N, C-alpha and C. Protein backbone atom coordinates (compact mmCIF):
# COMPACT_ATOMS: atom_id res chain seq x y z
N UNK A 1 0.82 -1.21 0.00
CA UNK A 1 0.00 0.00 0.00
C UNK A 1 0.87 1.27 0.00
N UNK A 2 1.91 1.23 0.83
CA UNK A 2 2.82 2.37 0.88
C UNK A 2 3.49 2.57 -0.47
N UNK A 3 3.88 1.43 -1.09
CA UNK A 3 4.53 1.51 -2.40
C UNK A 3 3.57 2.09 -3.44
N UNK A 4 2.29 1.67 -3.40
CA UNK A 4 1.30 2.19 -4.33
C UNK A 4 1.11 3.69 -4.15
N UNK A 5 1.11 4.13 -2.90
CA UNK A 5 1.00 5.56 -2.61
C UNK A 5 2.17 6.33 -3.20
N UNK A 6 3.35 5.74 -3.09
CA UNK A 6 4.54 6.38 -3.67
C UNK A 6 4.42 6.50 -5.18
N UNK A 7 3.84 5.47 -5.82
CA UNK A 7 3.66 5.52 -7.27
C UNK A 7 2.70 6.64 -7.67
N UNK A 8 1.60 6.77 -6.89
CA UNK A 8 0.64 7.84 -7.17
C UNK A 8 1.31 9.20 -7.06
N UNK A 9 2.11 9.37 -6.03
CA UNK A 9 2.83 10.62 -5.84
C UNK A 9 3.81 10.88 -6.98
N UNK A 10 4.45 9.81 -7.44
CA UNK A 10 5.41 9.94 -8.53
C UNK A 10 4.71 10.38 -9.81
N UNK A 11 3.56 9.76 -10.10
CA UNK A 11 2.79 10.13 -11.29
C UNK A 11 2.37 11.59 -11.21
N UNK A 12 1.92 12.00 -10.04
CA UNK A 12 1.47 13.38 -9.86
C UNK A 12 2.63 14.35 -10.07
N UNK A 13 3.79 14.02 -9.52
CA UNK A 13 4.94 14.91 -9.65
C UNK A 13 5.42 15.01 -11.09
N UNK A 14 5.46 13.86 -11.78
CA UNK A 14 5.91 13.86 -13.18
C UNK A 14 4.91 14.58 -14.06
N UNK A 15 3.61 14.35 -13.82
CA UNK A 15 2.57 15.03 -14.58
C UNK A 15 2.69 16.54 -14.42
N UNK A 16 2.93 16.98 -13.18
CA UNK A 16 3.09 18.40 -12.91
C UNK A 16 4.26 18.97 -13.70
N UNK A 17 5.38 18.25 -13.69
CA UNK A 17 6.57 18.72 -14.41
C UNK A 17 6.32 18.80 -15.91
N UNK A 18 5.60 17.82 -16.44
CA UNK A 18 5.28 17.81 -17.87
C UNK A 18 4.41 19.00 -18.23
N UNK A 19 3.39 19.27 -17.41
CA UNK A 19 2.49 20.37 -17.70
C UNK A 19 3.20 21.71 -17.66
N UNK A 20 4.06 21.88 -16.66
CA UNK A 20 4.82 23.13 -16.56
C UNK A 20 5.70 23.32 -17.79
N UNK A 21 6.37 22.25 -18.21
CA UNK A 21 7.25 22.35 -19.38
C UNK A 21 6.48 22.57 -20.66
N UNK A 22 5.33 21.92 -20.79
CA UNK A 22 4.50 22.10 -21.99
C UNK A 22 4.06 23.56 -22.10
N UNK A 23 3.67 24.16 -20.98
CA UNK A 23 3.21 25.55 -21.02
C UNK A 23 4.38 26.48 -21.33
N UNK A 24 5.52 26.24 -20.72
CA UNK A 24 6.69 27.07 -21.02
C UNK A 24 7.07 26.97 -22.49
N UNK A 25 6.99 25.76 -23.03
CA UNK A 25 7.33 25.57 -24.44
C UNK A 25 6.33 26.29 -25.34
N UNK A 26 5.04 26.17 -25.02
CA UNK A 26 4.00 26.83 -25.82
C UNK A 26 4.19 28.34 -25.79
N UNK A 27 4.50 28.89 -24.62
CA UNK A 27 4.71 30.33 -24.50
C UNK A 27 5.95 30.77 -25.28
N UNK A 28 6.99 29.94 -25.25
CA UNK A 28 8.20 30.27 -25.99
C UNK A 28 7.95 30.25 -27.49
N UNK A 29 7.21 29.23 -27.97
CA UNK A 29 6.86 29.17 -29.39
C UNK A 29 6.07 30.40 -29.79
N UNK A 30 5.09 30.78 -28.96
CA UNK A 30 4.27 31.95 -29.27
C UNK A 30 5.12 33.21 -29.33
N UNK A 31 6.01 33.38 -28.37
CA UNK A 31 6.90 34.54 -28.33
C UNK A 31 7.76 34.63 -29.59
N UNK A 32 8.33 33.50 -30.00
CA UNK A 32 9.21 33.50 -31.17
C UNK A 32 8.41 33.73 -32.46
N UNK A 33 7.22 33.17 -32.54
CA UNK A 33 6.41 33.35 -33.74
C UNK A 33 5.93 34.80 -33.86
N UNK A 34 5.57 35.42 -32.74
CA UNK A 34 5.20 36.84 -32.80
C UNK A 34 6.36 37.68 -33.31
N UNK A 35 7.57 37.38 -32.85
CA UNK A 35 8.74 38.11 -33.33
C UNK A 35 8.95 37.88 -34.83
N UNK A 36 8.75 36.64 -35.27
CA UNK A 36 8.89 36.32 -36.70
C UNK A 36 7.85 37.05 -37.52
N UNK A 37 6.59 37.00 -37.10
CA UNK A 37 5.51 37.65 -37.85
C UNK A 37 5.71 39.16 -37.89
N UNK A 38 6.20 39.73 -36.79
CA UNK A 38 6.48 41.16 -36.76
C UNK A 38 7.59 41.51 -37.75
N UNK A 39 8.63 40.68 -37.78
CA UNK A 39 9.75 40.92 -38.71
C UNK A 39 9.30 40.80 -40.16
N UNK A 40 8.52 39.77 -40.46
CA UNK A 40 8.02 39.60 -41.82
C UNK A 40 7.06 40.74 -42.16
N UNK A 41 6.23 41.13 -41.19
CA UNK A 41 5.32 42.26 -41.41
C UNK A 41 6.07 43.53 -41.75
N UNK A 42 7.18 43.77 -41.06
CA UNK A 42 7.98 44.95 -41.37
C UNK A 42 8.57 44.85 -42.77
N UNK A 43 9.10 43.69 -43.10
CA UNK A 43 9.70 43.48 -44.42
C UNK A 43 8.68 43.73 -45.53
N UNK A 44 7.47 43.19 -45.35
CA UNK A 44 6.41 43.38 -46.34
C UNK A 44 6.00 44.84 -46.40
N UNK A 45 5.88 45.47 -45.24
CA UNK A 45 5.45 46.87 -45.19
C UNK A 45 6.44 47.76 -45.92
N UNK A 46 7.72 47.59 -45.61
CA UNK A 46 8.74 48.44 -46.22
C UNK A 46 8.74 48.29 -47.74
N UNK A 47 8.65 47.05 -48.22
CA UNK A 47 8.76 46.81 -49.66
C UNK A 47 7.47 47.07 -50.43
N UNK A 48 6.32 46.88 -49.78
CA UNK A 48 5.06 47.07 -50.49
C UNK A 48 4.59 48.52 -50.44
N UNK A 49 4.92 49.23 -49.38
CA UNK A 49 4.45 50.61 -49.25
C UNK A 49 5.29 51.58 -50.07
N UNK A 50 6.52 51.21 -50.40
CA UNK A 50 7.36 52.13 -51.16
C UNK A 50 7.34 51.84 -52.66
N UNK A 51 6.42 50.98 -53.08
CA UNK A 51 6.19 50.69 -54.50
C UNK A 51 7.33 49.92 -55.15
N UNK A 52 8.21 49.31 -54.33
CA UNK A 52 9.27 48.49 -54.93
C UNK A 52 8.73 47.13 -55.36
N UNK A 53 7.58 46.73 -54.83
CA UNK A 53 6.91 45.50 -55.24
C UNK A 53 5.69 45.84 -56.09
N UNK A 54 5.33 44.92 -56.96
CA UNK A 54 4.12 45.08 -57.74
C UNK A 54 2.87 44.83 -56.90
N UNK A 55 1.71 45.11 -57.50
CA UNK A 55 0.45 45.02 -56.77
C UNK A 55 0.14 43.60 -56.32
N UNK A 56 0.62 42.60 -57.06
CA UNK A 56 0.30 41.21 -56.76
C UNK A 56 1.44 40.49 -56.04
N UNK A 57 2.38 41.26 -55.51
CA UNK A 57 3.61 40.67 -54.98
C UNK A 57 3.35 39.72 -53.82
N UNK A 58 2.51 40.10 -52.88
CA UNK A 58 2.30 39.27 -51.69
C UNK A 58 1.70 37.93 -52.07
N UNK A 59 0.76 37.93 -53.01
CA UNK A 59 0.15 36.67 -53.47
C UNK A 59 1.19 35.77 -54.12
N UNK A 60 2.05 36.35 -54.94
CA UNK A 60 3.08 35.57 -55.63
C UNK A 60 4.07 35.00 -54.63
N UNK A 61 4.50 35.83 -53.68
CA UNK A 61 5.46 35.37 -52.67
C UNK A 61 4.86 34.25 -51.82
N UNK A 62 3.61 34.40 -51.43
CA UNK A 62 2.95 33.37 -50.64
C UNK A 62 2.88 32.06 -51.42
N UNK A 63 2.50 32.13 -52.67
CA UNK A 63 2.40 30.93 -53.50
C UNK A 63 3.76 30.25 -53.66
N UNK A 64 4.79 31.05 -53.87
CA UNK A 64 6.13 30.49 -54.02
C UNK A 64 6.63 29.86 -52.72
N UNK A 65 6.26 30.46 -51.59
CA UNK A 65 6.62 29.88 -50.30
C UNK A 65 6.03 28.49 -50.14
N UNK A 66 4.77 28.33 -50.54
CA UNK A 66 4.12 27.02 -50.43
C UNK A 66 4.85 25.99 -51.29
N UNK A 67 5.37 26.43 -52.43
CA UNK A 67 6.11 25.52 -53.30
C UNK A 67 7.48 25.19 -52.71
N UNK A 68 8.13 26.17 -52.09
CA UNK A 68 9.45 25.95 -51.50
C UNK A 68 9.37 25.10 -50.23
N UNK A 69 8.29 25.29 -49.46
CA UNK A 69 8.11 24.59 -48.19
C UNK A 69 6.75 23.90 -48.19
N UNK A 70 6.63 22.75 -48.86
CA UNK A 70 5.35 22.06 -48.96
C UNK A 70 4.77 21.75 -47.58
N UNK A 71 3.47 22.00 -47.43
CA UNK A 71 2.81 21.75 -46.17
C UNK A 71 2.87 22.91 -45.19
N UNK A 72 3.58 23.96 -45.55
CA UNK A 72 3.68 25.13 -44.67
C UNK A 72 2.32 25.78 -44.50
N UNK A 73 1.96 26.06 -43.25
CA UNK A 73 0.70 26.73 -42.96
C UNK A 73 0.97 28.05 -42.28
N UNK A 74 0.02 28.97 -42.41
CA UNK A 74 0.13 30.24 -41.73
C UNK A 74 0.75 31.34 -42.56
N UNK A 75 1.09 31.04 -43.83
CA UNK A 75 1.73 32.04 -44.66
C UNK A 75 0.97 32.25 -45.97
N UNK A 76 -0.34 32.17 -45.86
CA UNK A 76 -1.18 32.52 -47.00
C UNK A 76 -1.06 34.01 -47.28
N UNK A 77 -1.56 34.43 -48.43
CA UNK A 77 -1.55 35.86 -48.74
C UNK A 77 -2.28 36.65 -47.66
N UNK A 78 -3.44 36.14 -47.23
CA UNK A 78 -4.22 36.85 -46.21
C UNK A 78 -3.44 36.98 -44.91
N UNK A 79 -2.78 35.90 -44.50
CA UNK A 79 -2.03 35.95 -43.25
C UNK A 79 -0.82 36.87 -43.34
N UNK A 80 -0.19 36.89 -44.50
CA UNK A 80 0.97 37.78 -44.65
C UNK A 80 0.53 39.24 -44.63
N UNK A 81 -0.65 39.52 -45.15
CA UNK A 81 -1.18 40.88 -45.04
C UNK A 81 -1.49 41.21 -43.57
N UNK A 82 -1.95 40.22 -42.83
CA UNK A 82 -2.19 40.43 -41.40
C UNK A 82 -0.89 40.73 -40.66
N UNK A 83 0.20 40.08 -41.08
CA UNK A 83 1.50 40.36 -40.47
C UNK A 83 1.90 41.81 -40.69
N UNK A 84 1.62 42.31 -41.88
CA UNK A 84 1.91 43.72 -42.17
C UNK A 84 1.08 44.63 -41.26
N UNK A 85 -0.18 44.31 -41.09
CA UNK A 85 -1.04 45.09 -40.20
C UNK A 85 -0.53 45.03 -38.77
N UNK A 86 -0.12 43.84 -38.33
CA UNK A 86 0.42 43.65 -36.98
C UNK A 86 1.65 44.54 -36.77
N UNK A 87 2.56 44.53 -37.73
CA UNK A 87 3.74 45.38 -37.62
C UNK A 87 3.36 46.85 -37.59
N UNK A 88 2.52 47.26 -38.52
CA UNK A 88 2.21 48.68 -38.63
C UNK A 88 1.44 49.20 -37.40
N UNK A 89 0.67 48.31 -36.77
CA UNK A 89 -0.08 48.71 -35.58
C UNK A 89 0.83 48.93 -34.37
N UNK A 90 1.94 48.19 -34.31
CA UNK A 90 2.79 48.23 -33.12
C UNK A 90 4.19 48.77 -33.40
N UNK A 91 4.44 49.26 -34.60
CA UNK A 91 5.80 49.70 -34.94
C UNK A 91 6.28 50.86 -34.08
N UNK A 92 5.38 51.78 -33.74
CA UNK A 92 5.79 52.90 -32.88
C UNK A 92 6.21 52.41 -31.50
N UNK A 93 5.55 51.36 -31.03
CA UNK A 93 5.86 50.82 -29.70
C UNK A 93 7.18 50.07 -29.69
N UNK A 94 7.40 49.24 -30.70
CA UNK A 94 8.58 48.38 -30.69
C UNK A 94 9.76 48.93 -31.49
N UNK A 95 9.52 49.85 -32.41
CA UNK A 95 10.60 50.39 -33.23
C UNK A 95 10.80 51.89 -33.05
N UNK A 96 9.75 52.61 -32.70
CA UNK A 96 9.78 54.06 -32.77
C UNK A 96 10.66 54.76 -31.76
N UNK A 97 11.02 54.06 -30.69
CA UNK A 97 11.78 54.72 -29.64
C UNK A 97 13.12 54.04 -29.40
N UNK A 98 13.66 53.40 -30.46
CA UNK A 98 14.91 52.67 -30.33
C UNK A 98 15.92 53.18 -31.33
N UNK A 99 17.16 53.15 -30.94
CA UNK A 99 18.25 53.38 -31.88
C UNK A 99 18.62 52.04 -32.49
N UNK A 100 18.93 52.00 -33.77
CA UNK A 100 19.27 50.72 -34.40
C UNK A 100 20.47 50.07 -33.73
N UNK A 101 20.34 48.80 -33.41
CA UNK A 101 21.43 48.00 -32.87
C UNK A 101 21.50 46.70 -33.64
N UNK A 102 22.54 45.95 -33.43
CA UNK A 102 22.79 44.79 -34.28
C UNK A 102 21.74 43.71 -34.16
N UNK A 103 21.06 43.61 -33.01
CA UNK A 103 20.10 42.53 -32.86
C UNK A 103 18.68 42.93 -33.20
N UNK A 104 18.48 44.13 -33.76
CA UNK A 104 17.15 44.53 -34.17
C UNK A 104 16.81 43.98 -35.55
N UNK A 105 15.52 43.99 -35.87
CA UNK A 105 15.09 43.59 -37.20
C UNK A 105 15.70 44.55 -38.21
N UNK A 106 16.40 44.04 -39.19
CA UNK A 106 17.06 44.89 -40.17
C UNK A 106 16.87 44.32 -41.55
N UNK A 107 16.52 45.16 -42.50
CA UNK A 107 16.50 44.74 -43.89
C UNK A 107 17.90 44.97 -44.43
N UNK A 108 18.67 43.90 -44.57
CA UNK A 108 20.07 44.03 -44.94
C UNK A 108 20.19 44.36 -46.42
N UNK A 109 20.94 45.41 -46.71
CA UNK A 109 21.03 45.91 -48.08
C UNK A 109 21.69 44.90 -49.01
N UNK A 110 22.63 44.14 -48.50
CA UNK A 110 23.41 43.26 -49.38
C UNK A 110 22.62 42.07 -49.89
N UNK A 111 21.87 41.43 -48.99
CA UNK A 111 21.18 40.21 -49.42
C UNK A 111 19.68 40.24 -49.14
N UNK A 112 19.16 41.39 -48.71
CA UNK A 112 17.73 41.55 -48.48
C UNK A 112 17.20 40.56 -47.45
N UNK A 113 18.04 40.19 -46.50
CA UNK A 113 17.64 39.22 -45.48
C UNK A 113 16.83 39.91 -44.39
N UNK A 114 16.13 39.10 -43.62
CA UNK A 114 15.34 39.61 -42.50
C UNK A 114 16.00 39.14 -41.21
N UNK A 115 16.38 40.09 -40.37
CA UNK A 115 16.94 39.75 -39.07
C UNK A 115 15.86 39.90 -38.02
N UNK A 116 15.74 38.92 -37.16
CA UNK A 116 14.64 38.89 -36.20
C UNK A 116 15.18 39.14 -34.80
N UNK A 117 14.55 40.06 -34.10
CA UNK A 117 14.90 40.29 -32.70
C UNK A 117 13.68 40.03 -31.83
N UNK A 118 13.93 39.75 -30.57
CA UNK A 118 12.83 39.60 -29.63
C UNK A 118 12.09 40.92 -29.49
N UNK A 119 10.78 40.84 -29.33
CA UNK A 119 9.99 42.05 -29.16
C UNK A 119 10.22 42.61 -27.76
N UNK A 120 10.77 43.80 -27.70
CA UNK A 120 11.05 44.45 -26.42
C UNK A 120 10.89 45.95 -26.61
N UNK A 121 10.48 46.63 -25.54
CA UNK A 121 10.26 48.06 -25.64
C UNK A 121 10.24 48.68 -24.25
N UNK A 122 10.61 49.94 -24.19
CA UNK A 122 10.50 50.69 -22.94
C UNK A 122 9.10 51.27 -22.76
N UNK A 123 8.28 51.13 -23.78
CA UNK A 123 6.95 51.74 -23.74
C UNK A 123 5.94 50.90 -22.96
N UNK A 124 6.24 49.63 -22.76
CA UNK A 124 5.37 48.76 -21.98
C UNK A 124 6.13 48.25 -20.77
N UNK A 125 5.44 48.14 -19.65
CA UNK A 125 6.07 47.55 -18.47
C UNK A 125 6.41 46.09 -18.75
N UNK A 126 7.32 45.53 -17.99
CA UNK A 126 7.70 44.15 -18.20
C UNK A 126 6.52 43.22 -17.99
N UNK A 127 5.70 43.52 -16.99
CA UNK A 127 4.51 42.69 -16.75
C UNK A 127 3.59 42.72 -17.96
N UNK A 128 3.39 43.92 -18.52
CA UNK A 128 2.48 43.98 -19.66
C UNK A 128 3.11 43.38 -20.90
N UNK A 129 4.41 43.50 -21.05
CA UNK A 129 5.08 42.85 -22.17
C UNK A 129 4.89 41.34 -22.09
N UNK A 130 4.93 40.80 -20.88
CA UNK A 130 4.67 39.36 -20.70
C UNK A 130 3.25 39.02 -21.16
N UNK A 131 2.29 39.87 -20.84
CA UNK A 131 0.92 39.66 -21.32
C UNK A 131 0.90 39.65 -22.85
N UNK A 132 1.54 40.66 -23.44
CA UNK A 132 1.55 40.81 -24.90
C UNK A 132 2.09 39.55 -25.56
N UNK A 133 3.18 39.03 -25.05
CA UNK A 133 3.85 37.87 -25.66
C UNK A 133 3.15 36.56 -25.35
N UNK A 134 2.16 36.60 -24.45
CA UNK A 134 1.40 35.40 -24.12
C UNK A 134 0.11 35.28 -24.90
N UNK A 135 -0.17 36.24 -25.76
CA UNK A 135 -1.40 36.26 -26.55
C UNK A 135 -1.07 35.86 -27.99
N UNK A 136 -1.87 34.95 -28.55
CA UNK A 136 -1.62 34.45 -29.89
C UNK A 136 -1.82 35.48 -30.98
N UNK A 137 -1.25 35.21 -32.13
CA UNK A 137 -1.29 36.15 -33.25
C UNK A 137 -2.71 36.44 -33.72
N UNK A 138 -3.55 35.41 -33.81
CA UNK A 138 -4.94 35.62 -34.24
C UNK A 138 -5.66 36.55 -33.27
N UNK A 139 -5.42 36.37 -31.97
CA UNK A 139 -6.01 37.26 -30.98
C UNK A 139 -5.53 38.69 -31.20
N UNK A 140 -4.22 38.84 -31.41
CA UNK A 140 -3.68 40.18 -31.65
C UNK A 140 -4.35 40.84 -32.85
N UNK A 141 -4.54 40.09 -33.91
CA UNK A 141 -5.14 40.67 -35.11
C UNK A 141 -6.57 41.12 -34.85
N UNK A 142 -7.34 40.30 -34.15
CA UNK A 142 -8.71 40.68 -33.81
C UNK A 142 -8.73 41.96 -32.98
N UNK A 143 -7.82 42.05 -32.03
CA UNK A 143 -7.76 43.23 -31.17
C UNK A 143 -7.37 44.47 -31.97
N UNK A 144 -6.37 44.32 -32.83
CA UNK A 144 -5.92 45.46 -33.64
C UNK A 144 -7.04 46.02 -34.50
N UNK A 145 -7.81 45.13 -35.12
CA UNK A 145 -8.81 45.56 -36.09
C UNK A 145 -10.12 46.00 -35.46
N UNK A 146 -10.38 45.61 -34.20
CA UNK A 146 -11.68 45.91 -33.62
C UNK A 146 -11.63 46.80 -32.38
N UNK A 147 -10.46 46.91 -31.76
CA UNK A 147 -10.30 47.84 -30.63
C UNK A 147 -9.49 49.02 -31.16
N UNK A 148 -10.11 50.14 -31.26
CA UNK A 148 -9.53 51.26 -32.01
C UNK A 148 -8.58 52.13 -31.20
N UNK A 149 -8.70 52.14 -29.89
CA UNK A 149 -7.79 52.95 -29.09
C UNK A 149 -6.72 52.07 -28.46
N UNK A 150 -5.57 52.67 -28.18
CA UNK A 150 -4.49 51.92 -27.54
C UNK A 150 -4.94 51.41 -26.18
N UNK A 151 -5.68 52.22 -25.46
CA UNK A 151 -6.17 51.81 -24.13
C UNK A 151 -7.01 50.55 -24.23
N UNK A 152 -7.93 50.51 -25.21
CA UNK A 152 -8.77 49.33 -25.38
C UNK A 152 -7.94 48.11 -25.80
N UNK A 153 -6.97 48.31 -26.67
CA UNK A 153 -6.13 47.20 -27.11
C UNK A 153 -5.37 46.59 -25.94
N UNK A 154 -4.79 47.46 -25.12
CA UNK A 154 -4.04 46.97 -23.96
C UNK A 154 -4.96 46.25 -22.99
N UNK A 155 -6.18 46.76 -22.84
CA UNK A 155 -7.15 46.13 -21.95
C UNK A 155 -7.48 44.71 -22.41
N UNK A 156 -7.78 44.54 -23.68
CA UNK A 156 -8.17 43.22 -24.17
C UNK A 156 -6.98 42.25 -24.22
N UNK A 157 -5.81 42.76 -24.49
CA UNK A 157 -4.62 41.90 -24.44
C UNK A 157 -4.45 41.33 -23.03
N UNK A 158 -4.60 42.18 -22.03
CA UNK A 158 -4.42 41.72 -20.66
C UNK A 158 -5.49 40.71 -20.28
N UNK A 159 -6.74 40.94 -20.69
CA UNK A 159 -7.80 39.99 -20.36
C UNK A 159 -7.57 38.65 -21.05
N UNK A 160 -7.12 38.69 -22.29
CA UNK A 160 -6.81 37.44 -23.00
C UNK A 160 -5.70 36.67 -22.28
N UNK A 161 -4.67 37.39 -21.87
CA UNK A 161 -3.54 36.73 -21.21
C UNK A 161 -3.94 36.19 -19.83
N UNK A 162 -4.73 36.95 -19.11
CA UNK A 162 -5.14 36.54 -17.77
C UNK A 162 -6.07 35.35 -17.78
N UNK A 163 -7.00 35.33 -18.76
CA UNK A 163 -8.08 34.35 -18.71
C UNK A 163 -8.02 33.33 -19.84
N UNK A 164 -7.00 33.42 -20.69
CA UNK A 164 -6.78 32.45 -21.77
C UNK A 164 -8.02 32.29 -22.65
N UNK A 165 -8.57 33.43 -23.07
CA UNK A 165 -9.74 33.41 -23.94
C UNK A 165 -9.40 32.72 -25.26
N UNK A 166 -10.37 31.97 -25.78
CA UNK A 166 -10.22 31.53 -27.17
C UNK A 166 -10.68 32.67 -28.08
N UNK A 167 -10.52 32.49 -29.37
CA UNK A 167 -10.80 33.58 -30.31
C UNK A 167 -12.28 33.95 -30.29
N UNK A 168 -13.16 32.95 -30.19
CA UNK A 168 -14.59 33.24 -30.18
C UNK A 168 -14.98 34.10 -28.98
N UNK A 169 -14.41 33.78 -27.81
CA UNK A 169 -14.69 34.57 -26.62
C UNK A 169 -14.20 36.01 -26.80
N UNK A 170 -13.01 36.15 -27.36
CA UNK A 170 -12.48 37.49 -27.61
C UNK A 170 -13.37 38.26 -28.56
N UNK A 171 -13.80 37.63 -29.65
CA UNK A 171 -14.67 38.31 -30.62
C UNK A 171 -15.97 38.77 -29.95
N UNK A 172 -16.52 37.93 -29.09
CA UNK A 172 -17.77 38.26 -28.41
C UNK A 172 -17.60 39.53 -27.57
N UNK A 173 -16.54 39.58 -26.77
CA UNK A 173 -16.38 40.72 -25.87
C UNK A 173 -15.91 41.96 -26.61
N UNK A 174 -15.21 41.79 -27.71
CA UNK A 174 -14.88 42.96 -28.53
C UNK A 174 -16.15 43.59 -29.10
N UNK A 175 -17.10 42.74 -29.46
CA UNK A 175 -18.37 43.24 -30.00
C UNK A 175 -19.22 43.87 -28.89
N UNK A 176 -19.22 43.25 -27.71
CA UNK A 176 -20.01 43.77 -26.60
C UNK A 176 -19.43 45.08 -26.06
N UNK A 177 -18.11 45.17 -26.03
CA UNK A 177 -17.45 46.34 -25.48
C UNK A 177 -16.93 46.09 -24.09
N UNK A 178 -15.85 46.73 -23.76
CA UNK A 178 -15.19 46.47 -22.47
C UNK A 178 -16.04 46.87 -21.28
N UNK A 179 -16.95 47.83 -21.45
CA UNK A 179 -17.78 48.29 -20.34
C UNK A 179 -18.72 47.21 -19.83
N UNK A 180 -19.03 46.24 -20.69
CA UNK A 180 -19.96 45.17 -20.30
C UNK A 180 -19.25 43.96 -19.70
N UNK A 181 -17.93 43.98 -19.70
CA UNK A 181 -17.18 42.85 -19.18
C UNK A 181 -17.21 42.84 -17.66
N UNK A 182 -17.47 41.69 -17.04
CA UNK A 182 -17.36 41.61 -15.58
C UNK A 182 -15.90 41.74 -15.17
N UNK A 183 -15.69 42.20 -13.96
CA UNK A 183 -14.32 42.31 -13.46
C UNK A 183 -13.70 40.92 -13.35
N UNK A 184 -12.41 40.85 -13.62
CA UNK A 184 -11.71 39.57 -13.53
C UNK A 184 -11.15 39.38 -12.14
N UNK A 185 -11.20 38.16 -11.67
CA UNK A 185 -10.61 37.85 -10.36
C UNK A 185 -9.33 37.05 -10.53
N UNK A 186 -8.90 36.87 -11.77
CA UNK A 186 -7.72 36.06 -12.03
C UNK A 186 -6.50 36.94 -12.22
N UNK A 187 -5.37 36.37 -12.00
CA UNK A 187 -4.09 37.06 -12.20
C UNK A 187 -3.14 36.11 -12.87
N UNK A 188 -2.55 36.56 -13.96
CA UNK A 188 -1.71 35.68 -14.78
C UNK A 188 -0.59 35.06 -13.97
N UNK A 189 0.11 35.86 -13.19
CA UNK A 189 1.30 35.36 -12.50
C UNK A 189 0.96 34.38 -11.39
N UNK A 190 -0.20 34.54 -10.76
CA UNK A 190 -0.55 33.64 -9.67
C UNK A 190 -1.26 32.39 -10.17
N UNK A 191 -2.20 32.56 -11.11
CA UNK A 191 -2.99 31.42 -11.55
C UNK A 191 -2.25 30.53 -12.54
N UNK A 192 -1.15 31.01 -13.10
CA UNK A 192 -0.44 30.20 -14.08
C UNK A 192 0.11 28.94 -13.44
N UNK A 193 0.22 28.93 -12.10
CA UNK A 193 0.70 27.75 -11.41
C UNK A 193 -0.41 26.77 -11.08
N UNK A 194 -1.65 27.16 -11.31
CA UNK A 194 -2.77 26.28 -11.06
C UNK A 194 -2.96 25.32 -12.23
N UNK A 195 -3.20 24.05 -11.93
CA UNK A 195 -3.27 23.02 -12.96
C UNK A 195 -4.34 23.32 -14.00
N UNK A 196 -5.53 23.70 -13.57
CA UNK A 196 -6.62 23.93 -14.52
C UNK A 196 -6.30 25.11 -15.44
N UNK A 197 -5.70 26.15 -14.90
CA UNK A 197 -5.36 27.29 -15.73
C UNK A 197 -4.24 26.94 -16.71
N UNK A 198 -3.31 26.11 -16.27
CA UNK A 198 -2.26 25.67 -17.19
C UNK A 198 -2.86 24.89 -18.35
N UNK A 199 -3.79 24.01 -18.05
CA UNK A 199 -4.44 23.22 -19.10
C UNK A 199 -5.19 24.13 -20.06
N UNK A 200 -5.86 25.13 -19.53
CA UNK A 200 -6.60 26.07 -20.37
C UNK A 200 -5.65 26.87 -21.25
N UNK A 201 -4.52 27.28 -20.68
CA UNK A 201 -3.53 28.04 -21.45
C UNK A 201 -2.95 27.20 -22.57
N UNK A 202 -2.59 25.95 -22.27
CA UNK A 202 -2.03 25.06 -23.29
C UNK A 202 -3.04 24.83 -24.40
N UNK A 203 -4.31 24.66 -24.04
CA UNK A 203 -5.35 24.47 -25.05
C UNK A 203 -5.48 25.69 -25.94
N UNK A 204 -5.33 26.88 -25.37
CA UNK A 204 -5.43 28.11 -26.16
C UNK A 204 -4.29 28.19 -27.16
N UNK A 205 -3.09 27.85 -26.74
CA UNK A 205 -1.94 27.87 -27.66
C UNK A 205 -2.10 26.80 -28.74
N UNK A 206 -2.61 25.64 -28.36
CA UNK A 206 -2.80 24.56 -29.34
C UNK A 206 -3.81 24.97 -30.39
N UNK A 207 -4.89 25.64 -29.96
CA UNK A 207 -5.91 26.12 -30.89
C UNK A 207 -5.32 27.12 -31.86
N UNK A 208 -4.41 27.95 -31.34
CA UNK A 208 -3.85 29.03 -32.15
C UNK A 208 -2.91 28.49 -33.22
N UNK A 209 -2.01 27.58 -32.86
CA UNK A 209 -0.95 27.21 -33.77
C UNK A 209 -0.97 25.76 -34.25
N UNK A 210 -1.40 24.84 -33.39
CA UNK A 210 -1.31 23.42 -33.71
C UNK A 210 0.13 23.05 -34.09
N UNK A 211 1.06 23.92 -33.78
CA UNK A 211 2.49 23.74 -34.01
C UNK A 211 2.85 23.27 -35.41
N UNK A 212 2.18 23.77 -36.47
CA UNK A 212 2.54 23.33 -37.82
C UNK A 212 3.88 23.87 -38.24
N UNK A 213 4.29 25.02 -37.68
CA UNK A 213 5.52 25.67 -38.12
C UNK A 213 6.74 24.80 -37.83
N UNK A 214 6.75 24.15 -36.65
CA UNK A 214 7.91 23.35 -36.27
C UNK A 214 7.69 21.87 -36.54
């Protein structure tokens, strides 16, 4: 009986470790993909807005990407246009108050390469930056297009991060308006250690990406 109890404890401890690692991995994937999408969005914005690309350039590039990387998801013409919107919506926050340094996103003149840096800024507190990086790209796009003020965008980003809303829940509350939202009793930093919240967070990341990129 004592041995059986030890086995139960072992399973519980290992399960806990797996869940913690799965959530950390999902958050890391999300953070890196947001940085990638922002970098690609900047690249597309710079080249498409200055008329160096033709009108159909994004569609052609997307189609060629599918041919170069068969099975690649998330880089349709529509999604690449969303990346441009994502960059343009947040460029003042992440680019506007920085001096160029070697680890920033740079369009290299010699080979037209894209350099990717982690999203960081002095304009957001570290706590809020953690919220920002914990919200999936689809959520960000919905917030950008439907919450028109910066205050509203920051509000919905924080609620998504705190409560791990799926996209449908986010769309509902964006339509209803923030004034109709009940107050939240959850806190990202404290509840992230709770098993049920971890499971909900992992499910939200899985819904967002299904990890096709890797």
